[in-house]
Amino acid sequence: MEKNVEISLLLSFYKNMLTERQADTVELYYNEDLSLAEVGTELGISRQGVRDNLKRAEAILYDVESKLGLAARFLEIKSKLSEIDIIIEEIESSPDAKLLPDSIKLQINRILTIIAGINEIED
């Protein structure tokens, strides 16, 4: 996973583990795609201060993730939901799908609705 995406994901899970300044720095640099100098101007600190805040924040985010693993678990669940979605699409596109009882078709639709609901939560 690209570092920018990884840090953004970790920030979404562990933002409260950072100081407000660290969280703002990470948000501006990784999510708003500002340069070190632009972040420094926005926060009223030096470019070096921004870099130091980023390094400390990254270390905290990686450390907390290594202990809790919430982001990794989230990605694993998301991957499994995608697999389920693909399997259901294969079932529905199968020539035998017409032979499925209506009760099974309803259950498939419920599963798809649940997956869609979970995907909406992450957005």
PDB file of N, CA and C in Angstrom:
ATOM      1  N   MET A   1       0.847  -1.175   0.000  1.00  0.00           N
ATOM      2  CA  MET A   1       0.000   0.000   0.000  1.00  0.00           C
ATOM      3  C   MET A   1       0.897   1.244   0.000  1.00  0.00           C
ATOM      4  N   GLU A   2       0.503   2.223  -0.787  1.00  0.00           N
ATOM      5  CA  GLU A   2       1.261   3.469  -0.871  1.00  0.00           C
ATOM      6  C   GLU A   2       1.265   4.147   0.497  1.00  0.00           C
ATOM      7  N   LYS A   3       2.404   4.766   0.840  1.00  0.00           N
ATOM      8  CA  LYS A   3       2.558   5.355   2.171  1.00  0.00           C
ATOM      9  C   LYS A   3       1.493   6.404   2.455  1.00  0.00           C
ATOM     10  N   ASN A   4       1.190   7.264   1.496  1.00  0.00           N
ATOM     11  CA  ASN A   4       0.186   8.307   1.729  1.00  0.00           C
ATOM     12  C   ASN A   4      -1.164   7.705   2.094  1.00  0.00           C
ATOM     13  N   VAL A   5      -1.556   6.671   1.387  1.00  0.00           N
ATOM     14  CA  VAL A   5      -2.830   6.011   1.659  1.00  0.00           C
ATOM     15  C   VAL A   5      -2.770   5.321   3.019  1.00  0.00           C
ATOM     16  N   GLU A   6      -1.663   4.685   3.302  1.00  0.00           N
ATOM     17  CA  GLU A   6      -1.503   3.979   4.571  1.00  0.00           C
ATOM     18  C   GLU A   6      -1.590   4.945   5.754  1.00  0.00           C
ATOM     19  N   ILE A   7      -0.882   6.055   5.670  1.00  0.00           N
ATOM     20  CA  ILE A   7      -0.905   7.031   6.760  1.00  0.00           C
ATOM     21  C   ILE A   7      -2.306   7.618   6.904  1.00  0.00           C
ATOM     22  N   SER A   8      -2.969   7.904   5.803  1.00  0.00           N
ATOM     23  CA  SER A   8      -4.334   8.437   5.861  1.00  0.00           C
ATOM     24  C   SER A   8      -5.274   7.448   6.545  1.00  0.00           C
ATOM     25  N   LEU A   9      -5.126   6.168   6.219  1.00  0.00           N
ATOM     26  CA  LEU A   9      -5.943   5.136   6.850  1.00  0.00           C
ATOM     27  C   LEU A   9      -5.654   5.060   8.345  1.00  0.00           C
ATOM     28  N   LEU A  10      -4.378   5.044   8.693  1.00  0.00           N
ATOM     29  CA  LEU A  10      -4.009   4.982  10.107  1.00  0.00           C
ATOM     30  C   LEU A  10      -4.527   6.209  10.855  1.00  0.00           C
ATOM     31  N   LEU A  11      -4.456   7.363  10.223  1.00  0.00           N
ATOM     32  CA  LEU A  11      -4.955   8.590  10.855  1.00  0.00           C
ATOM     33  C   LEU A  11      -6.450   8.476  11.130  1.00  0.00           C
ATOM     34  N   SER A  12      -7.184   7.896  10.199  1.00  0.00           N
ATOM     35  CA  SER A  12      -8.626   7.773  10.405  1.00  0.00           C
ATOM     36  C   SER A  12      -8.951   6.860  11.593  1.00  0.00           C
ATOM     37  N   PHE A  13      -8.096   5.904  11.875  1.00  0.00           N
ATOM     38  CA  PHE A  13      -8.316   5.004  13.003  1.00  0.00           C
ATOM     39  C   PHE A  13      -7.769   5.557  14.318  1.00  0.00           C
ATOM     40  N   TYR A  14      -6.628   6.211  14.264  1.00  0.00           N
ATOM     41  CA  TYR A  14      -5.909   6.537  15.499  1.00  0.00           C
ATOM     42  C   TYR A  14      -5.644   8.029  15.701  1.00  0.00           C
ATOM     43  N   LYS A  15      -6.413   8.868  15.070  1.00  0.00           N
ATOM     44  CA  LYS A  15      -6.202  10.319  15.156  1.00  0.00           C
ATOM     45  C   LYS A  15      -6.152  10.794  16.613  1.00  0.00           C
ATOM     46  N   ASN A  16      -6.984  10.213  17.454  1.00  0.00           N
ATOM     47  CA  ASN A  16      -7.047  10.640  18.852  1.00  0.00           C
ATOM     48  C   ASN A  16      -5.797  10.274  19.660  1.00  0.00           C
ATOM     49  N   MET A  17      -4.935   9.476  19.087  1.00  0.00           N
ATOM     50  CA  MET A  17      -3.688   9.118  19.773  1.00  0.00           C
ATOM     51  C   MET A  17      -2.609  10.188  19.567  1.00  0.00           C
ATOM     52  N   LEU A  18      -2.878  11.122  18.669  1.00  0.00           N
ATOM     53  CA  LEU A  18      -1.918  12.182  18.358  1.00  0.00           C
ATOM     54  C   LEU A  18      -2.310  13.477  19.055  1.00  0.00           C
ATOM     55  N   THR A  19      -1.345  14.366  19.210  1.00  0.00           N
ATOM     56  CA  THR A  19      -1.680  15.702  19.680  1.00  0.00           C
ATOM     57  C   THR A  19      -2.460  16.399  18.565  1.00  0.00           C
ATOM     58  N   GLU A  20      -3.134  17.467  18.916  1.00  0.00           N
ATOM     59  CA  GLU A  20      -3.892  18.201  17.907  1.00  0.00           C
ATOM     60  C   GLU A  20      -2.967  18.710  16.806  1.00  0.00           C
ATOM     61  N   ARG A  21      -1.789  19.194  17.189  1.00  0.00           N
ATOM     62  CA  ARG A  21      -0.825  19.719  16.205  1.00  0.00           C
ATOM     63  C   ARG A  21      -0.336  18.608  15.284  1.00  0.00           C
ATOM     64  N   GLN A  22      -0.032  17.449  15.852  1.00  0.00           N
ATOM     65  CA  GLN A  22       0.416  16.330  15.027  1.00  0.00           C
ATOM     66  C   GLN A  22      -0.685  15.897  14.056  1.00  0.00           C
ATOM     67  N   ALA A  23      -1.911  15.783  14.550  1.00  0.00           N
ATOM     68  CA  ALA A  23      -3.026  15.372  13.695  1.00  0.00           C
ATOM     69  C   ALA A  23      -3.248  16.385  12.572  1.00  0.00           C
ATOM     70  N   ASP A  24      -3.189  17.670  12.896  1.00  0.00           N
ATOM     71  CA  ASP A  24      -3.348  18.711  11.879  1.00  0.00           C
ATOM     72  C   ASP A  24      -2.241  18.627  10.841  1.00  0.00           C
ATOM     73  N   THR A  25      -1.027  18.402  11.299  1.00  0.00           N
ATOM     74  CA  THR A  25       0.117  18.307  10.393  1.00  0.00           C
ATOM     75  C   THR A  25      -0.054  17.141   9.427  1.00  0.00           C
ATOM     76  N   VAL A  26      -0.408  15.979   9.959  1.00  0.00           N
ATOM     77  CA  VAL A  26      -0.606  14.789   9.119  1.00  0.00           C
ATOM     78  C   VAL A  26      -1.765  15.011   8.148  1.00  0.00           C
ATOM     79  N   GLU A  27      -2.839  15.577   8.647  1.00  0.00           N
ATOM     80  CA  GLU A  27      -4.019  15.849   7.810  1.00  0.00           C
ATOM     81  C   GLU A  27      -3.654  16.750   6.636  1.00  0.00           C
ATOM     82  N   LEU A  28      -2.961  17.833   6.910  1.00  0.00           N
ATOM     83  CA  LEU A  28      -2.611  18.780   5.852  1.00  0.00           C
ATOM     84  C   LEU A  28      -1.610  18.189   4.856  1.00  0.00           C
ATOM     85  N   TYR A  29      -0.629  17.466   5.372  1.00  0.00           N
ATOM     86  CA  TYR A  29       0.421  16.937   4.505  1.00  0.00           C
ATOM     87  C   TYR A  29      -0.069  15.758   3.667  1.00  0.00           C
ATOM     88  N   TYR A  30      -0.699  14.785   4.317  1.00  0.00           N
ATOM     89  CA  TYR A  30      -1.088  13.569   3.607  1.00  0.00           C
ATOM     90  C   TYR A  30      -2.457  13.665   2.939  1.00  0.00           C
ATOM     91  N   ASN A  31      -3.427  14.258   3.607  1.00  0.00           N
ATOM     92  CA  ASN A  31      -4.782  14.285   3.048  1.00  0.00           C
ATOM     93  C   ASN A  31      -5.045  15.498   2.167  1.00  0.00           C
ATOM     94  N   GLU A  32      -4.454  16.633   2.525  1.00  0.00           N
ATOM     95  CA  GLU A  32      -4.645  17.844   1.722  1.00  0.00           C
ATOM     96  C   GLU A  32      -3.535  18.032   0.694  1.00  0.00           C
ATOM     97  N   ASP A  33      -2.500  17.182   0.777  1.00  0.00           N
ATOM     98  CA  ASP A  33      -1.391  17.173  -0.180  1.00  0.00           C
ATOM     99  C   ASP A  33      -0.638  18.510  -0.233  1.00  0.00           C
ATOM    100  N   LEU A  34      -0.480  19.135   0.930  1.00  0.00           N
ATOM    101  CA  LEU A  34       0.313  20.362   0.995  1.00  0.00           C
ATOM    102  C   LEU A  34       1.784  19.997   1.167  1.00  0.00           C
ATOM    103  N   SER A  35       2.660  20.874   0.727  1.00  0.00           N
ATOM    104  CA  SER A  35       4.098  20.662   0.914  1.00  0.00           C
ATOM    105  C   SER A  35       4.458  20.957   2.369  1.00  0.00           C
ATOM    106  N   LEU A  36       5.679  20.590   2.764  1.00  0.00           N
ATOM    107  CA  LEU A  36       6.136  20.889   4.122  1.00  0.00           C
ATOM    108  C   LEU A  36       6.070  22.389   4.396  1.00  0.00           C
ATOM    109  N   ALA A  37       6.517  23.177   3.423  1.00  0.00           N
ATOM    110  CA  ALA A  37       6.507  24.635   3.587  1.00  0.00           C
ATOM    111  C   ALA A  37       5.078  25.158   3.708  1.00  0.00           C
ATOM    112  N   GLU A  38       4.159  24.629   2.903  1.00  0.00           N
ATOM    113  CA  GLU A  38       2.768  25.074   2.965  1.00  0.00           C
ATOM    114  C   GLU A  38       2.119  24.706   4.300  1.00  0.00           C
ATOM    115  N   VAL A  39       2.421  23.520   4.793  1.00  0.00           N
ATOM    116  CA  VAL A  39       1.896  23.104   6.096  1.00  0.00           C
ATOM    117  C   VAL A  39       2.462  24.024   7.181  1.00  0.00           C
ATOM    118  N   GLY A  40       3.757  24.308   7.089  1.00  0.00           N
ATOM    119  CA  GLY A  40       4.390  25.204   8.057  1.00  0.00           C
ATOM    120  C   GLY A  40       3.735  26.570   8.078  1.00  0.00           C
ATOM    121  N   THR A  41       3.475  27.108   6.910  1.00  0.00           N
ATOM    122  CA  THR A  41       2.806  28.408   6.812  1.00  0.00           C
ATOM    123  C   THR A  41       1.414  28.336   7.429  1.00  0.00           C
ATOM    124  N   GLU A  42       0.680  27.286   7.115  1.00  0.00           N
ATOM    125  CA  GLU A  42      -0.687  27.105   7.630  1.00  0.00           C
ATOM    126  C   GLU A  42      -0.702  27.009   9.155  1.00  0.00           C
ATOM    127  N   LEU A  43       0.294  26.311   9.716  1.00  0.00           N
ATOM    128  CA  LEU A  43       0.315  26.078  11.165  1.00  0.00           C
ATOM    129  C   LEU A  43       1.203  27.057  11.927  1.00  0.00           C
ATOM    130  N   GLY A  44       1.928  27.889  11.187  1.00  0.00           N
ATOM    131  CA  GLY A  44       2.796  28.857  11.843  1.00  0.00           C
ATOM    132  C   GLY A  44       4.030  28.246  12.481  1.00  0.00           C
ATOM    133  N   ILE A  45       4.553  27.198  11.841  1.00  0.00           N
ATOM    134  CA  ILE A  45       5.788  26.570  12.324  1.00  0.00           C
ATOM    135  C   ILE A  45       6.751  26.418  11.151  1.00  0.00           C
ATOM    136  N   SER A  46       7.991  26.109  11.484  1.00  0.00           N
ATOM    137  CA  SER A  46       9.011  25.980  10.435  1.00  0.00           C
ATOM    138  C   SER A  46       8.808  24.691   9.643  1.00  0.00           C
ATOM    139  N   ARG A  47       9.443  24.646   8.491  1.00  0.00           N
ATOM    140  CA  ARG A  47       9.413  23.447   7.649  1.00  0.00           C
ATOM    141  C   ARG A  47       9.983  22.261   8.428  1.00  0.00           C
ATOM    142  N   GLN A  48      11.060  22.510   9.176  1.00  0.00           N
ATOM    143  CA  GLN A  48      11.670  21.461   9.990  1.00  0.00           C
ATOM    144  C   GLN A  48      10.717  21.004  11.092  1.00  0.00           C
ATOM    145  N   GLY A  49       9.976  21.941  11.663  1.00  0.00           N
ATOM    146  CA  GLY A  49       8.981  21.591  12.682  1.00  0.00           C
ATOM    147  C   GLY A  49       7.893  20.691  12.118  1.00  0.00           C
ATOM    148  N   VAL A  50       7.500  20.988  10.910  1.00  0.00           N
ATOM    149  CA  VAL A  50       6.499  20.145  10.229  1.00  0.00           C
ATOM    150  C   VAL A  50       7.056  18.743  10.043  1.00  0.00           C
ATOM    151  N   ARG A  51       8.285  18.675   9.560  1.00  0.00           N
ATOM    152  CA  ARG A  51       8.909  17.365   9.325  1.00  0.00           C
ATOM    153  C   ARG A  51       9.013  16.575  10.631  1.00  0.00           C
ATOM    154  N   ASP A  52       9.445  17.247  11.704  1.00  0.00           N
ATOM    155  CA  ASP A  52       9.558  16.571  13.008  1.00  0.00           C
ATOM    156  C   ASP A  52       8.194  16.076  13.494  1.00  0.00           C
ATOM    157  N   ASN A  53       7.168  16.920  13.354  1.00  0.00           N
ATOM    158  CA  ASN A  53       5.813  16.514  13.755  1.00  0.00           C
ATOM    159  C   ASN A  53       5.347  15.308  12.951  1.00  0.00           C
ATOM    160  N   LEU A  54       5.619  15.315  11.652  1.00  0.00           N
ATOM    161  CA  LEU A  54       5.229  14.192  10.805  1.00  0.00           C
ATOM    162  C   LEU A  54       5.910  12.903  11.236  1.00  0.00           C
ATOM    163  N   LYS A  55       7.208  12.983  11.462  1.00  0.00           N
ATOM    164  CA  LYS A  55       7.959  11.777  11.844  1.00  0.00           C
ATOM    165  C   LYS A  55       7.462  11.217  13.175  1.00  0.00           C
ATOM    166  N   ARG A  56       7.223  12.098  14.160  1.00  0.00           N
ATOM    167  CA  ARG A  56       6.717  11.631  15.455  1.00  0.00           C
ATOM    168  C   ARG A  56       5.318  11.031  15.293  1.00  0.00           C
ATOM    169  N   ALA A  57       4.469  11.707  14.533  1.00  0.00           N
ATOM    170  CA  ALA A  57       3.100  11.220  14.331  1.00  0.00           C
ATOM    171  C   ALA A  57       3.091   9.877  13.603  1.00  0.00           C
ATOM    172  N   GLU A  58       3.906   9.756  12.564  1.00  0.00           N
ATOM    173  CA  GLU A  58       3.988   8.490  11.836  1.00  0.00           C
ATOM    174  C   GLU A  58       4.427   7.363  12.752  1.00  0.00           C
ATOM    175  N   ALA A  59       5.424   7.627  13.579  1.00  0.00           N
ATOM    176  CA  ALA A  59       5.914   6.603  14.510  1.00  0.00           C
ATOM    177  C   ALA A  59       4.805   6.170  15.469  1.00  0.00           C
ATOM    178  N   ILE A  60       4.045   7.129  15.972  1.00  0.00           N
ATOM    179  CA  ILE A  60       2.935   6.807  16.877  1.00  0.00           C
ATOM    180  C   ILE A  60       1.876   5.986  16.149  1.00  0.00           C
ATOM    181  N   LEU A  61       1.501   6.417  14.947  1.00  0.00           N
ATOM    182  CA  LEU A  61       0.470   5.704  14.192  1.00  0.00           C
ATOM    183  C   LEU A  61       0.888   4.267  13.895  1.00  0.00           C
ATOM    184  N   TYR A  62       2.129   4.080  13.451  1.00  0.00           N
ATOM    185  CA  TYR A  62       2.609   2.731  13.165  1.00  0.00           C
ATOM    186  C   TYR A  62       2.697   1.887  14.435  1.00  0.00           C
ATOM    187  N   ASP A  63       3.111   2.502  15.532  1.00  0.00           N
ATOM    188  CA  ASP A  63       3.231   1.778  16.794  1.00  0.00           C
ATOM    189  C   ASP A  63       1.864   1.312  17.296  1.00  0.00           C
ATOM    190  N   VAL A  64       0.893   2.203  17.274  1.00  0.00           N
ATOM    191  CA  VAL A  64      -0.446   1.842  17.738  1.00  0.00           C
ATOM    192  C   VAL A  64      -1.046   0.763  16.835  1.00  0.00           C
ATOM    193  N   GLU A  65      -0.843   0.902  15.531  1.00  0.00           N
ATOM    194  CA  GLU A  65      -1.356  -0.118  14.607  1.00  0.00           C
ATOM    195  C   GLU A  65      -0.702  -1.474  14.867  1.00  0.00           C
ATOM    196  N   SER A  66       0.595  -1.470  15.159  1.00  0.00           N
ATOM    197  CA  SER A  66       1.267  -2.748  15.419  1.00  0.00           C
ATOM    198  C   SER A  66       0.718  -3.415  16.686  1.00  0.00           C
ATOM    199  N   LYS A  67       0.231  -2.613  17.610  1.00  0.00           N
ATOM    200  CA  LYS A  67      -0.328  -3.169  18.846  1.00  0.00           C
ATOM    201  C   LYS A  67      -1.797  -3.555  18.708  1.00  0.00           C
ATOM    202  N   LEU A  68      -2.573  -2.750  17.991  1.00  0.00           N
ATOM    203  CA  LEU A  68      -4.012  -2.989  17.908  1.00  0.00           C
ATOM    204  C   LEU A  68      -4.453  -3.668  16.614  1.00  0.00           C
ATOM    205  N   GLY A  69      -3.833  -3.311  15.514  1.00  0.00           N
ATOM    206  CA  GLY A  69      -4.133  -3.941  14.230  1.00  0.00           C
ATOM    207  C   GLY A  69      -5.513  -3.658  13.663  1.00  0.00           C
ATOM    208  N   LEU A  70      -6.137  -2.558  14.059  1.00  0.00           N
ATOM    209  CA  LEU A  70      -7.491  -2.258  13.585  1.00  0.00           C
ATOM    210  C   LEU A  70      -7.543  -1.973  12.091  1.00  0.00           C
ATOM    211  N   ALA A  71      -6.572  -1.236  11.590  1.00  0.00           N
ATOM    212  CA  ALA A  71      -6.563  -0.904  10.158  1.00  0.00           C
ATOM    213  C   ALA A  71      -6.361  -2.165   9.318  1.00  0.00           C
ATOM    214  N   ALA A  72      -5.463  -3.022   9.747  1.00  0.00           N
ATOM    215  CA  ALA A  72      -5.222  -4.274   9.017  1.00  0.00           C
ATOM    216  C   ALA A  72      -6.473  -5.146   9.033  1.00  0.00           C
ATOM    217  N   ARG A  73      -7.127  -5.198  10.162  1.00  0.00           N
ATOM    218  CA  ARG A  73      -8.356  -5.992  10.273  1.00  0.00           C
ATOM    219  C   ARG A  73      -9.457  -5.416   9.372  1.00  0.00           C
ATOM    220  N   PHE A  74      -9.564  -4.090   9.343  1.00  0.00           N
ATOM    221  CA  PHE A  74     -10.517  -3.416   8.480  1.00  0.00           C
ATOM    222  C   PHE A  74     -10.282  -3.788   7.014  1.00  0.00           C
ATOM    223  N   LEU A  75      -9.025  -3.741   6.577  1.00  0.00           N
ATOM    224  CA  LEU A  75      -8.700  -4.073   5.190  1.00  0.00           C
ATOM    225  C   LEU A  75      -8.999  -5.536   4.885  1.00  0.00           C
ATOM    226  N   GLU A  76      -8.767  -6.405   5.855  1.00  0.00           N
ATOM    227  CA  GLU A  76      -9.062  -7.824   5.683  1.00  0.00           C
ATOM    228  C   GLU A  76     -10.566  -8.046   5.522  1.00  0.00           C
ATOM    229  N   ILE A  77     -11.358  -7.385   6.359  1.00  0.00           N
ATOM    230  CA  ILE A  77     -12.808  -7.508   6.273  1.00  0.00           C
ATOM    231  C   ILE A  77     -13.309  -6.967   4.936  1.00  0.00           C
ATOM    232  N   LYS A  78     -12.772  -5.828   4.528  1.00  0.00           N
ATOM    233  CA  LYS A  78     -13.164  -5.234   3.254  1.00  0.00           C
ATOM    234  C   LYS A  78     -12.852  -6.185   2.095  1.00  0.00           C
ATOM    235  N   SER A  79     -11.707  -6.830   2.140  1.00  0.00           N
ATOM    236  CA  SER A  79     -11.329  -7.792   1.107  1.00  0.00           C
ATOM    237  C   SER A  79     -12.285  -8.985   1.089  1.00  0.00           C
ATOM    238  N   LYS A  80     -12.639  -9.489   2.262  1.00  0.00           N
ATOM    239  CA  LYS A  80     -13.559 -10.633   2.347  1.00  0.00           C
ATOM    240  C   LYS A  80     -14.949 -10.258   1.832  1.00  0.00           C
ATOM    241  N   LEU A  81     -15.390  -9.027   2.117  1.00  0.00           N
ATOM    242  CA  LEU A  81     -16.684  -8.584   1.605  1.00  0.00           C
ATOM    243  C   LEU A  81     -16.667  -8.518   0.080  1.00  0.00           C
ATOM    244  N   SER A  82     -15.547  -8.083  -0.478  1.00  0.00           N
ATOM    245  CA  SER A  82     -15.421  -8.053  -1.941  1.00  0.00           C
ATOM    246  C   SER A  82     -15.487  -9.458  -2.520  1.00  0.00           C
ATOM    247  N   GLU A  83     -14.859 -10.415  -1.840  1.00  0.00           N
ATOM    248  CA  GLU A  83     -14.915 -11.812  -2.284  1.00  0.00           C
ATOM    249  C   GLU A  83     -16.353 -12.321  -2.278  1.00  0.00           C
ATOM    250  N   ILE A  84     -17.080 -12.019  -1.211  1.00  0.00           N
ATOM    251  CA  ILE A  84     -18.478 -12.445  -1.110  1.00  0.00           C
ATOM    252  C   ILE A  84     -19.285 -11.839  -2.252  1.00  0.00           C
ATOM    253  N   ASP A  85     -19.050 -10.562  -2.501  1.00  0.00           N
ATOM    254  CA  ASP A  85     -19.754  -9.864  -3.581  1.00  0.00           C
ATOM    255  C   ASP A  85     -19.494 -10.537  -4.929  1.00  0.00           C
ATOM    256  N   ILE A  86     -18.260 -10.914  -5.186  1.00  0.00           N
ATOM    257  CA  ILE A  86     -17.898 -11.584  -6.442  1.00  0.00           C
ATOM    258  C   ILE A  86     -18.575 -12.950  -6.543  1.00  0.00           C
ATOM    259  N   ILE A  87     -18.584 -13.683  -5.448  1.00  0.00           N
ATOM    260  CA  ILE A  87     -19.226 -15.008  -5.452  1.00  0.00           C
ATOM    261  C   ILE A  87     -20.711 -14.874  -5.755  1.00  0.00           C
ATOM    262  N   ILE A  88     -21.350 -13.897  -5.152  1.00  0.00           N
ATOM    263  CA  ILE A  88     -22.779 -13.689  -5.400  1.00  0.00           C
ATOM    264  C   ILE A  88     -23.023 -13.302  -6.858  1.00  0.00           C
ATOM    265  N   GLU A  89     -22.174 -12.446  -7.409  1.00  0.00           N
ATOM    266  CA  GLU A  89     -22.305 -12.080  -8.828  1.00  0.00           C
ATOM    267  C   GLU A  89     -22.180 -13.315  -9.718  1.00  0.00           C
ATOM    268  N   GLU A  90     -21.250 -14.219  -9.357  1.00  0.00           N
ATOM    269  CA  GLU A  90     -21.077 -15.451 -10.128  1.00  0.00           C
ATOM    270  C   GLU A  90     -22.327 -16.322 -10.042  1.00  0.00           C
ATOM    271  N   ILE A  91     -22.908 -16.397  -8.851  1.00  0.00           N
ATOM    272  CA  ILE A  91     -24.135 -17.182  -8.674  1.00  0.00           C
ATOM    273  C   ILE A  91     -25.256 -16.597  -9.524  1.00  0.00           C
ATOM    274  N   GLU A  92     -25.405 -15.261  -9.451  1.00  0.00           N
ATOM    275  CA  GLU A  92     -26.491 -14.605 -10.177  1.00  0.00           C
ATOM    276  C   GLU A  92     -26.329 -14.694 -11.692  1.00  0.00           C
ATOM    277  N   SER A  93     -25.094 -14.752 -12.171  1.00  0.00           N
ATOM    278  CA  SER A  93     -24.869 -14.823 -13.618  1.00  0.00           C
ATOM    279  C   SER A  93     -24.835 -16.261 -14.138  1.00  0.00           C
ATOM    280  N   SER A  94     -24.914 -17.197 -13.245  1.00  0.00           N
ATOM    281  CA  SER A  94     -24.921 -18.611 -13.626  1.00  0.00           C
ATOM    282  C   SER A  94     -26.231 -18.959 -14.343  1.00  0.00           C
ATOM    283  N   PRO A  95     -26.141 -19.864 -15.330  1.00  0.00           N
ATOM    284  CA  PRO A  95     -27.376 -20.302 -16.004  1.00  0.00           C
ATOM    285  C   PRO A  95     -28.353 -20.968 -15.030  1.00  0.00           C
ATOM    286  N   ASP A  96     -27.833 -21.530 -13.956  1.00  0.00           N
ATOM    287  CA  ASP A  96     -28.680 -22.214 -12.975  1.00  0.00           C
ATOM    288  C   ASP A  96     -29.381 -21.237 -12.029  1.00  0.00           C
ATOM    289  N   ALA A  97     -29.054 -19.953 -12.122  1.00  0.00           N
ATOM    290  CA  ALA A  97     -29.643 -18.963 -11.213  1.00  0.00           C
ATOM    291  C   ALA A  97     -31.158 -18.916 -11.352  1.00  0.00           C
ATOM    292  N   LYS A  98     -31.649 -19.185 -12.553  1.00  0.00           N
ATOM    293  CA  LYS A  98     -33.093 -19.173 -12.782  1.00  0.00           C
ATOM    294  C   LYS A  98     -33.796 -20.264 -11.980  1.00  0.00           C
ATOM    295  N   LEU A  99     -33.046 -21.313 -11.656  1.00  0.00           N
ATOM    296  CA  LEU A  99     -33.622 -22.437 -10.931  1.00  0.00           C
ATOM    297  C   LEU A  99     -33.660 -22.209  -9.418  1.00  0.00           C
ATOM    298  N   LEU A 100     -33.004 -21.163  -8.955  1.00  0.00           N
ATOM    299  CA  LEU A 100     -32.988 -20.890  -7.517  1.00  0.00           C
ATOM    300  C   LEU A 100     -34.375 -20.496  -7.039  1.00  0.00           C
ATOM    301  N   PRO A 101     -34.766 -21.017  -5.896  1.00  0.00           N
ATOM    302  CA  PRO A 101     -36.064 -20.611  -5.335  1.00  0.00           C
ATOM    303  C   PRO A 101     -36.057 -19.117  -4.984  1.00  0.00           C
ATOM    304  N   ASP A 102     -37.231 -18.513  -4.998  1.00  0.00           N
ATOM    305  CA  ASP A 102     -37.343 -17.091  -4.676  1.00  0.00           C
ATOM    306  C   ASP A 102     -36.795 -16.784  -3.288  1.00  0.00           C
ATOM    307  N   SER A 103     -36.951 -17.705  -2.347  1.00  0.00           N
ATOM    308  CA  SER A 103     -36.453 -17.474  -0.985  1.00  0.00           C
ATOM    309  C   SER A 103     -34.924 -17.307  -0.983  1.00  0.00           C
ATOM    310  N   ILE A 104     -34.219 -18.081  -1.809  1.00  0.00           N
ATOM    311  CA  ILE A 104     -32.764 -17.965  -1.916  1.00  0.00           C
ATOM    312  C   ILE A 104     -32.396 -16.640  -2.590  1.00  0.00           C
ATOM    313  N   LYS A 105     -33.137 -16.262  -3.619  1.00  0.00           N
ATOM    314  CA  LYS A 105     -32.888 -14.985  -4.298  1.00  0.00           C
ATOM    315  C   LYS A 105     -33.056 -13.825  -3.325  1.00  0.00           C
ATOM    316  N   LEU A 106     -34.069 -13.904  -2.470  1.00  0.00           N
ATOM    317  CA  LEU A 106     -34.274 -12.860  -1.457  1.00  0.00           C
ATOM    318  C   LEU A 106     -33.101 -12.802  -0.481  1.00  0.00           C
ATOM    319  N   GLN A 107     -32.591 -13.967  -0.088  1.00  0.00           N
ATOM    320  CA  GLN A 107     -31.450 -14.009   0.841  1.00  0.00           C
ATOM    321  C   GLN A 107     -30.209 -13.403   0.191  1.00  0.00           C
ATOM    322  N   ILE A 108     -30.014 -13.689  -1.075  1.00  0.00           N
ATOM    323  CA  ILE A 108     -28.881 -13.111  -1.808  1.00  0.00           C
ATOM    324  C   ILE A 108     -29.006 -11.586  -1.828  1.00  0.00           C
ATOM    325  N   ASN A 109     -30.211 -11.100  -2.092  1.00  0.00           N
ATOM    326  CA  ASN A 109     -30.422  -9.647  -2.096  1.00  0.00           C
ATOM    327  C   ASN A 109     -30.182  -9.041  -0.716  1.00  0.00           C
ATOM    328  N   ARG A 110     -30.561  -9.746   0.342  1.00  0.00           N
ATOM    329  CA  ARG A 110     -30.287  -9.259   1.709  1.00  0.00           C
ATOM    330  C   ARG A 110     -28.788  -9.170   1.958  1.00  0.00           C
ATOM    331  N   ILE A 111     -28.057 -10.181   1.511  1.00  0.00           N
ATOM    332  CA  ILE A 111     -26.597 -10.166   1.681  1.00  0.00           C
ATOM    333  C   ILE A 111     -25.997  -8.973   0.943  1.00  0.00           C
ATOM    334  N   LEU A 112     -26.443  -8.754  -0.294  1.00  0.00           N
ATOM    335  CA  LEU A 112     -25.934  -7.619  -1.070  1.00  0.00           C
ATOM    336  C   LEU A 112     -26.261  -6.289  -0.392  1.00  0.00           C
ATOM    337  N   THR A 113     -27.438  -6.189   0.190  1.00  0.00           N
ATOM    338  CA  THR A 113     -27.831  -4.969   0.904  1.00  0.00           C
ATOM    339  C   THR A 113     -26.942  -4.753   2.128  1.00  0.00           C
ATOM    340  N   ILE A 114     -26.651  -5.810   2.846  1.00  0.00           N
ATOM    341  CA  ILE A 114     -25.770  -5.713   4.026  1.00  0.00           C
ATOM    342  C   ILE A 114     -24.378  -5.262   3.611  1.00  0.00           C
ATOM    343  N   ILE A 115     -23.837  -5.854   2.549  1.00  0.00           N
ATOM    344  CA  ILE A 115     -22.511  -5.472   2.050  1.00  0.00           C
ATOM    345  C   ILE A 115     -22.504  -4.007   1.646  1.00  0.00           C
ATOM    346  N   ALA A 116     -23.531  -3.573   0.943  1.00  0.00           N
ATOM    347  CA  ALA A 116     -23.609  -2.167   0.527  1.00  0.00           C
ATOM    348  C   ALA A 116     -23.650  -1.251   1.744  1.00  0.00           C
ATOM    349  N   GLY A 117     -24.389  -1.644   2.769  1.00  0.00           N
ATOM    350  CA  GLY A 117     -24.463  -0.852   3.997  1.00  0.00           C
ATOM    351  C   GLY A 117     -23.119  -0.743   4.693  1.00  0.00           C
ATOM    352  N   ILE A 118     -22.378  -1.825   4.731  1.00  0.00           N
ATOM    353  CA  ILE A 118     -21.048  -1.816   5.343  1.00  0.00           C
ATOM    354  C   ILE A 118     -20.110  -0.930   4.538  1.00  0.00           C
ATOM    355  N   ASN A 119     -20.176  -1.024   3.222  1.00  0.00           N
ATOM    356  CA  ASN A 119     -19.331  -0.184   2.370  1.00  0.00           C
ATOM    357  C   ASN A 119     -19.655   1.290   2.553  1.00  0.00           C
ATOM    358  N   GLU A 120     -20.923   1.637   2.799  1.00  0.00           N
ATOM    359  CA  GLU A 120     -21.291   3.026   3.036  1.00  0.00           C
ATOM    360  C   GLU A 120     -20.726   3.544   4.355  1.00  0.00           C
ATOM    361  N   ILE A 121     -20.644   2.695   5.361  1.00  0.00           N
ATOM    362  CA  ILE A 121     -20.112   3.077   6.669  1.00  0.00           C
ATOM    363  C   ILE A 121     -18.677   3.546   6.541  1.00  0.00           C
ATOM    364  N   GLU A 122     -17.881   2.893   5.721  1.00  0.00           N
ATOM    365  CA  GLU A 122     -16.470   3.240   5.599  1.00  0.00           C
ATOM    366  C   GLU A 122     -16.247   4.551   4.866  1.00  0.00           C
ATOM    367  N   ASP A 123     -17.207   5.010   4.081  1.00  0.00           N
ATOM    368  CA  ASP A 123     -17.080   6.267   3.353  1.00  0.00           C
ATOM    369  C   ASP A 123     -17.393   7.393   4.243  1.00  0.00           C
TER     370      ASP A 123
END
